[in-house]
Amino acid sequence: MRSRSPSQIALHLDPQTLRILVAIEDYSSFSAAAAAVNLVPSAVSRRIHELESAVGLELVKRSSR
């Protein structure tokens, strides 16, 4: 992944994305986090993927369980 400027990162780091990150940490599950923030799991996954692409780091460790 390629690192981007702080202004590009800020475009992806909005309050909703922060709520999603906190929910993922709290529930340890994309599905449970999605339910907690009233989104579908694919939207949560897409938001996190976009943020990870913007910062150039893996922020959430994914597993099949």
N, C-alpha and C. Protein backbone atom coordinates (compact mmCIF):
# COMPACT_ATOMS: atom_id res chain seq x y z
N MET A 1 0.84 -1.19 0.00
CA MET A 1 0.00 0.00 0.00
C MET A 1 0.88 1.24 0.00
N ARG A 2 0.36 2.28 -0.62
CA ARG A 2 1.11 3.52 -0.73
C ARG A 2 0.60 4.54 0.28
N SER A 3 1.52 5.19 0.96
CA SER A 3 1.15 6.21 1.95
C SER A 3 0.70 7.48 1.24
N ARG A 4 -0.23 8.17 1.84
CA ARG A 4 -0.75 9.40 1.25
C ARG A 4 -0.56 10.56 2.21
N SER A 5 -0.86 11.76 1.73
CA SER A 5 -0.69 12.96 2.54
C SER A 5 -1.77 13.02 3.63
N PRO A 6 -1.50 13.79 4.70
CA PRO A 6 -2.50 13.92 5.77
C PRO A 6 -3.86 14.41 5.28
N SER A 7 -3.88 15.29 4.29
CA SER A 7 -5.16 15.78 3.80
C SER A 7 -5.95 14.67 3.10
N GLN A 8 -5.26 13.77 2.40
CA GLN A 8 -5.94 12.65 1.76
C GLN A 8 -6.47 11.68 2.81
N ILE A 9 -5.72 11.48 3.87
CA ILE A 9 -6.15 10.60 4.95
C ILE A 9 -7.38 11.19 5.64
N ALA A 10 -7.37 12.49 5.86
CA ALA A 10 -8.48 13.16 6.54
C ALA A 10 -9.79 12.98 5.79
N LEU A 11 -9.73 12.85 4.47
CA LEU A 11 -10.95 12.62 3.68
C LEU A 11 -11.63 11.32 4.08
N HIS A 12 -10.84 10.33 4.53
CA HIS A 12 -11.39 9.03 4.89
C HIS A 12 -11.61 8.87 6.39
N LEU A 13 -11.11 9.79 7.18
CA LEU A 13 -11.19 9.66 8.63
C LEU A 13 -12.27 10.62 9.17
N ASP A 14 -13.51 10.25 8.95
CA ASP A 14 -14.64 11.04 9.39
C ASP A 14 -15.25 10.41 10.65
N PRO A 15 -16.17 11.08 11.32
CA PRO A 15 -16.76 10.53 12.55
C PRO A 15 -17.39 9.14 12.37
N GLN A 16 -18.04 8.89 11.25
CA GLN A 16 -18.66 7.58 11.02
C GLN A 16 -17.59 6.49 10.95
N THR A 17 -16.50 6.75 10.26
CA THR A 17 -15.43 5.77 10.15
C THR A 17 -14.80 5.52 11.52
N LEU A 18 -14.66 6.55 12.33
CA LEU A 18 -14.14 6.37 13.69
C LEU A 18 -15.10 5.52 14.52
N ARG A 19 -16.41 5.74 14.38
CA ARG A 19 -17.39 4.91 15.09
C ARG A 19 -17.28 3.45 14.66
N ILE A 20 -17.05 3.24 13.37
CA ILE A 20 -16.89 1.88 12.86
C ILE A 20 -15.66 1.22 13.46
N LEU A 21 -14.54 1.93 13.49
CA LEU A 21 -13.31 1.38 14.08
C LEU A 21 -13.51 1.01 15.55
N VAL A 22 -14.16 1.87 16.29
CA VAL A 22 -14.42 1.60 17.71
C VAL A 22 -15.34 0.37 17.84
N ALA A 23 -16.35 0.29 17.01
CA ALA A 23 -17.27 -0.86 17.08
C ALA A 23 -16.55 -2.16 16.73
N ILE A 24 -15.65 -2.13 15.75
CA ILE A 24 -14.88 -3.33 15.42
C ILE A 24 -14.03 -3.75 16.61
N GLU A 25 -13.42 -2.79 17.26
CA GLU A 25 -12.63 -3.09 18.46
C GLU A 25 -13.51 -3.65 19.57
N ASP A 26 -14.65 -3.04 19.79
CA ASP A 26 -15.56 -3.47 20.87
C ASP A 26 -16.13 -4.87 20.62
N TYR A 27 -16.53 -5.16 19.39
CA TYR A 27 -17.23 -6.41 19.08
C TYR A 27 -16.34 -7.48 18.47
N SER A 28 -15.14 -7.11 18.04
CA SER A 28 -14.20 -8.06 17.40
C SER A 28 -14.83 -8.79 16.21
N SER A 29 -15.72 -8.09 15.51
CA SER A 29 -16.42 -8.70 14.39
C SER A 29 -16.94 -7.60 13.47
N PHE A 30 -16.70 -7.77 12.17
CA PHE A 30 -17.23 -6.80 11.22
C PHE A 30 -18.76 -6.85 11.21
N SER A 31 -19.33 -8.04 11.28
CA SER A 31 -20.79 -8.17 11.25
C SER A 31 -21.44 -7.53 12.46
N ALA A 32 -20.91 -7.80 13.64
CA ALA A 32 -21.47 -7.21 14.86
C ALA A 32 -21.25 -5.70 14.88
N ALA A 33 -20.10 -5.26 14.42
CA ALA A 33 -19.83 -3.82 14.35
C ALA A 33 -20.80 -3.14 13.38
N ALA A 34 -21.04 -3.78 12.25
CA ALA A 34 -21.97 -3.23 11.26
C ALA A 34 -23.36 -3.07 11.86
N ALA A 35 -23.81 -4.08 12.58
CA ALA A 35 -25.12 -4.00 13.23
C ALA A 35 -25.16 -2.87 14.26
N ALA A 36 -24.07 -2.70 14.99
CA ALA A 36 -24.01 -1.67 16.03
C ALA A 36 -24.06 -0.25 15.46
N VAL A 37 -23.53 -0.07 14.24
CA VAL A 37 -23.53 1.27 13.64
C VAL A 37 -24.56 1.39 12.52
N ASN A 38 -25.47 0.39 12.45
CA ASN A 38 -26.57 0.41 11.49
C ASN A 38 -26.13 0.47 10.03
N LEU A 39 -25.14 -0.36 9.70
CA LEU A 39 -24.68 -0.49 8.32
C LEU A 39 -24.63 -1.97 7.97
N VAL A 40 -24.55 -2.26 6.68
CA VAL A 40 -24.35 -3.65 6.27
C VAL A 40 -22.86 -3.95 6.35
N PRO A 41 -22.50 -5.22 6.59
CA PRO A 41 -21.08 -5.57 6.72
C PRO A 41 -20.21 -5.17 5.53
N SER A 42 -20.74 -5.23 4.33
CA SER A 42 -19.94 -4.84 3.16
C SER A 42 -19.58 -3.36 3.19
N ALA A 43 -20.46 -2.52 3.71
CA ALA A 43 -20.15 -1.09 3.83
C ALA A 43 -19.06 -0.85 4.87
N VAL A 44 -19.12 -1.59 5.96
CA VAL A 44 -18.09 -1.48 7.00
C VAL A 44 -16.74 -1.92 6.42
N SER A 45 -16.74 -3.03 5.73
CA SER A 45 -15.51 -3.54 5.13
C SER A 45 -14.93 -2.54 4.14
N ARG A 46 -15.79 -1.97 3.31
CA ARG A 46 -15.34 -1.00 2.31
C ARG A 46 -14.75 0.24 2.97
N ARG A 47 -15.40 0.75 4.01
CA ARG A 47 -14.89 1.93 4.72
C ARG A 47 -13.50 1.67 5.30
N ILE A 48 -13.35 0.52 5.93
CA ILE A 48 -12.06 0.19 6.55
C ILE A 48 -11.00 -0.01 5.48
N HIS A 49 -11.35 -0.67 4.40
CA HIS A 49 -10.40 -0.88 3.30
C HIS A 49 -9.94 0.46 2.73
N GLU A 50 -10.87 1.40 2.52
CA GLU A 50 -10.51 2.72 1.99
C GLU A 50 -9.59 3.47 2.94
N LEU A 51 -9.87 3.38 4.24
CA LEU A 51 -9.02 4.04 5.23
C LEU A 51 -7.63 3.40 5.24
N GLU A 52 -7.57 2.07 5.21
CA GLU A 52 -6.29 1.38 5.19
C GLU A 52 -5.49 1.75 3.95
N SER A 53 -6.15 1.87 2.82
CA SER A 53 -5.47 2.28 1.59
C SER A 53 -4.94 3.70 1.72
N ALA A 54 -5.70 4.57 2.35
CA ALA A 54 -5.28 5.96 2.51
C ALA A 54 -4.07 6.10 3.41
N VAL A 55 -4.03 5.33 4.51
CA VAL A 55 -2.90 5.45 5.44
C VAL A 55 -1.75 4.54 5.06
N GLY A 56 -2.01 3.56 4.21
CA GLY A 56 -0.95 2.66 3.79
C GLY A 56 -0.59 1.60 4.82
N LEU A 57 -1.53 1.30 5.72
CA LEU A 57 -1.31 0.31 6.77
C LEU A 57 -2.54 -0.56 6.94
N GLU A 58 -2.30 -1.79 7.42
CA GLU A 58 -3.42 -2.65 7.80
C GLU A 58 -3.83 -2.25 9.22
N LEU A 59 -5.04 -1.74 9.37
CA LEU A 59 -5.51 -1.27 10.67
C LEU A 59 -6.29 -2.35 11.43
N VAL A 60 -6.88 -3.28 10.69
CA VAL A 60 -7.69 -4.32 11.29
C VAL A 60 -7.19 -5.67 10.79
N LYS A 61 -6.87 -6.53 11.72
CA LYS A 61 -6.44 -7.88 11.35
C LYS A 61 -7.69 -8.69 11.05
N ARG A 62 -7.71 -9.28 9.87
CA ARG A 62 -8.88 -10.05 9.43
C ARG A 62 -8.60 -11.54 9.55
N SER A 63 -9.64 -12.26 9.90
CA SER A 63 -9.56 -13.72 9.92
C SER A 63 -10.92 -14.26 9.50
N SER A 64 -10.98 -15.55 9.27
CA SER A 64 -12.24 -16.14 8.85
C SER A 64 -13.21 -16.31 10.02
N ARG A 65 -12.72 -16.13 11.24
CA ARG A 65 -13.57 -16.26 12.43
C ARG A 65 -13.56 -14.99 13.21
